[in-house]
Amino acid sequence: MSLYNERIDVRSTTGGHPALFSWRGRMYRVRRVIGSWNGAAGEADVRLVRVAAESDRGEPSIADIAVDDATDRWTMRRLWE
């Protein structure tokens, strides 16, 4: 597992959760939302979403991604490959 705080580009959502996102030049398809939690990072309200995802190369992973509800910006927090 690695810790990150890097911006990701969410291309599609289903029910408020990401269905497809890109990070570091790779596209990931969300296979399943494992859980979702509300939290705070500094002064911004964020929602953390843990997903089972698959890269465009077919590599499975678990990712913690977060969205800042005020700006609608998504970030990669953790990735288990």
Protein backbone atom coordinates (compact mmCIF):
# COMPACT_ATOMS: atom_id res chain seq x y z
CA MET A 1 0.00 0.00 0.00
CA SER A 2 1.21 3.48 -0.81
CA LEU A 3 -0.10 6.80 0.49
CA TYR A 4 -0.86 9.58 -1.99
CA ASN A 5 -2.71 12.84 -2.12
CA GLU A 6 -2.78 13.31 -5.89
CA ARG A 7 -5.58 14.63 -8.04
CA ILE A 8 -7.49 12.17 -10.21
CA ASP A 9 -9.85 12.81 -13.09
CA VAL A 10 -13.23 11.18 -12.54
CA ARG A 11 -14.82 10.60 -15.93
CA SER A 12 -18.10 9.04 -14.93
CA THR A 13 -20.18 8.61 -11.80
CA THR A 14 -23.01 6.32 -10.80
CA GLY A 15 -25.12 7.32 -7.82
CA GLY A 16 -22.51 9.84 -6.70
CA HIS A 17 -19.68 7.29 -6.74
CA PRO A 18 -16.98 7.14 -9.42
CA ALA A 19 -17.46 4.55 -12.14
CA LEU A 20 -14.36 5.44 -14.18
CA PHE A 21 -11.29 7.50 -13.28
CA SER A 22 -7.79 8.21 -14.54
CA TRP A 23 -4.61 8.58 -12.51
CA ARG A 24 -0.98 8.78 -13.62
CA GLY A 25 -1.84 8.03 -17.23
CA ARG A 26 -3.92 4.94 -16.48
CA MET A 27 -7.65 4.49 -16.71
CA TYR A 28 -9.42 2.57 -13.93
CA ARG A 29 -12.89 1.06 -14.00
CA VAL A 30 -14.61 0.78 -10.64
CA ARG A 31 -15.83 -2.77 -10.25
CA ARG A 32 -17.38 -2.30 -6.82
CA VAL A 33 -17.77 0.34 -4.12
CA ILE A 34 -16.58 -1.28 -0.89
CA GLY A 35 -17.52 1.57 1.43
CA SER A 36 -17.99 5.31 1.77
CA TRP A 37 -17.25 7.58 4.76
CA ASN A 38 -17.55 11.27 5.50
CA GLY A 39 -14.59 13.00 7.11
CA ALA A 40 -12.67 16.25 7.22
CA ALA A 41 -9.29 17.24 5.83
CA GLY A 42 -8.30 20.59 7.23
CA GLU A 43 -11.31 22.84 6.74
CA ALA A 44 -12.72 21.06 3.69
CA ASP A 45 -15.47 18.47 4.01
CA VAL A 46 -14.51 15.32 2.14
CA ARG A 47 -16.08 11.98 1.36
CA LEU A 48 -13.77 8.97 1.24
CA VAL A 49 -14.72 6.10 -1.05
CA ARG A 50 -12.98 2.69 -1.04
CA VAL A 51 -13.34 0.89 -4.37
CA ALA A 52 -12.29 -2.32 -6.04
CA ALA A 53 -10.96 -1.16 -9.40
CA GLU A 54 -9.31 -2.59 -12.49
CA SER A 55 -6.74 -0.73 -14.57
CA ASP A 56 -6.85 -0.52 -18.36
CA ARG A 57 -4.17 -3.25 -18.31
CA GLY A 58 -6.46 -5.59 -16.36
CA GLU A 59 -4.62 -5.19 -13.06
CA PRO A 60 -6.92 -5.36 -10.01
CA SER A 61 -6.48 -2.99 -7.07
CA ILE A 62 -8.19 -1.50 -4.06
CA ALA A 63 -8.17 2.30 -3.88
CA ASP A 64 -9.21 4.91 -1.36
CA ILE A 65 -10.26 8.00 -3.27
CA ALA A 66 -11.76 11.16 -1.86
CA VAL A 67 -13.91 14.00 -3.13
CA ASP A 68 -14.00 17.51 -1.72
CA ASP A 69 -17.74 18.23 -1.75
CA ALA A 70 -17.22 22.00 -2.00
CA THR A 71 -15.04 21.86 -5.13
CA ASP A 72 -15.98 18.43 -6.57
CA ARG A 73 -12.24 17.63 -6.84
CA TRP A 74 -11.23 14.00 -6.48
CA THR A 75 -7.90 12.74 -5.12
CA MET A 76 -6.16 9.37 -4.85
CA ARG A 77 -5.41 8.68 -1.18
CA ARG A 78 -4.25 5.05 -1.02
CA LEU A 79 -3.73 2.28 -3.52
CA TRP A 80 -3.21 -1.43 -2.88
CA GLU A 81 -1.98 -3.22 -5.99
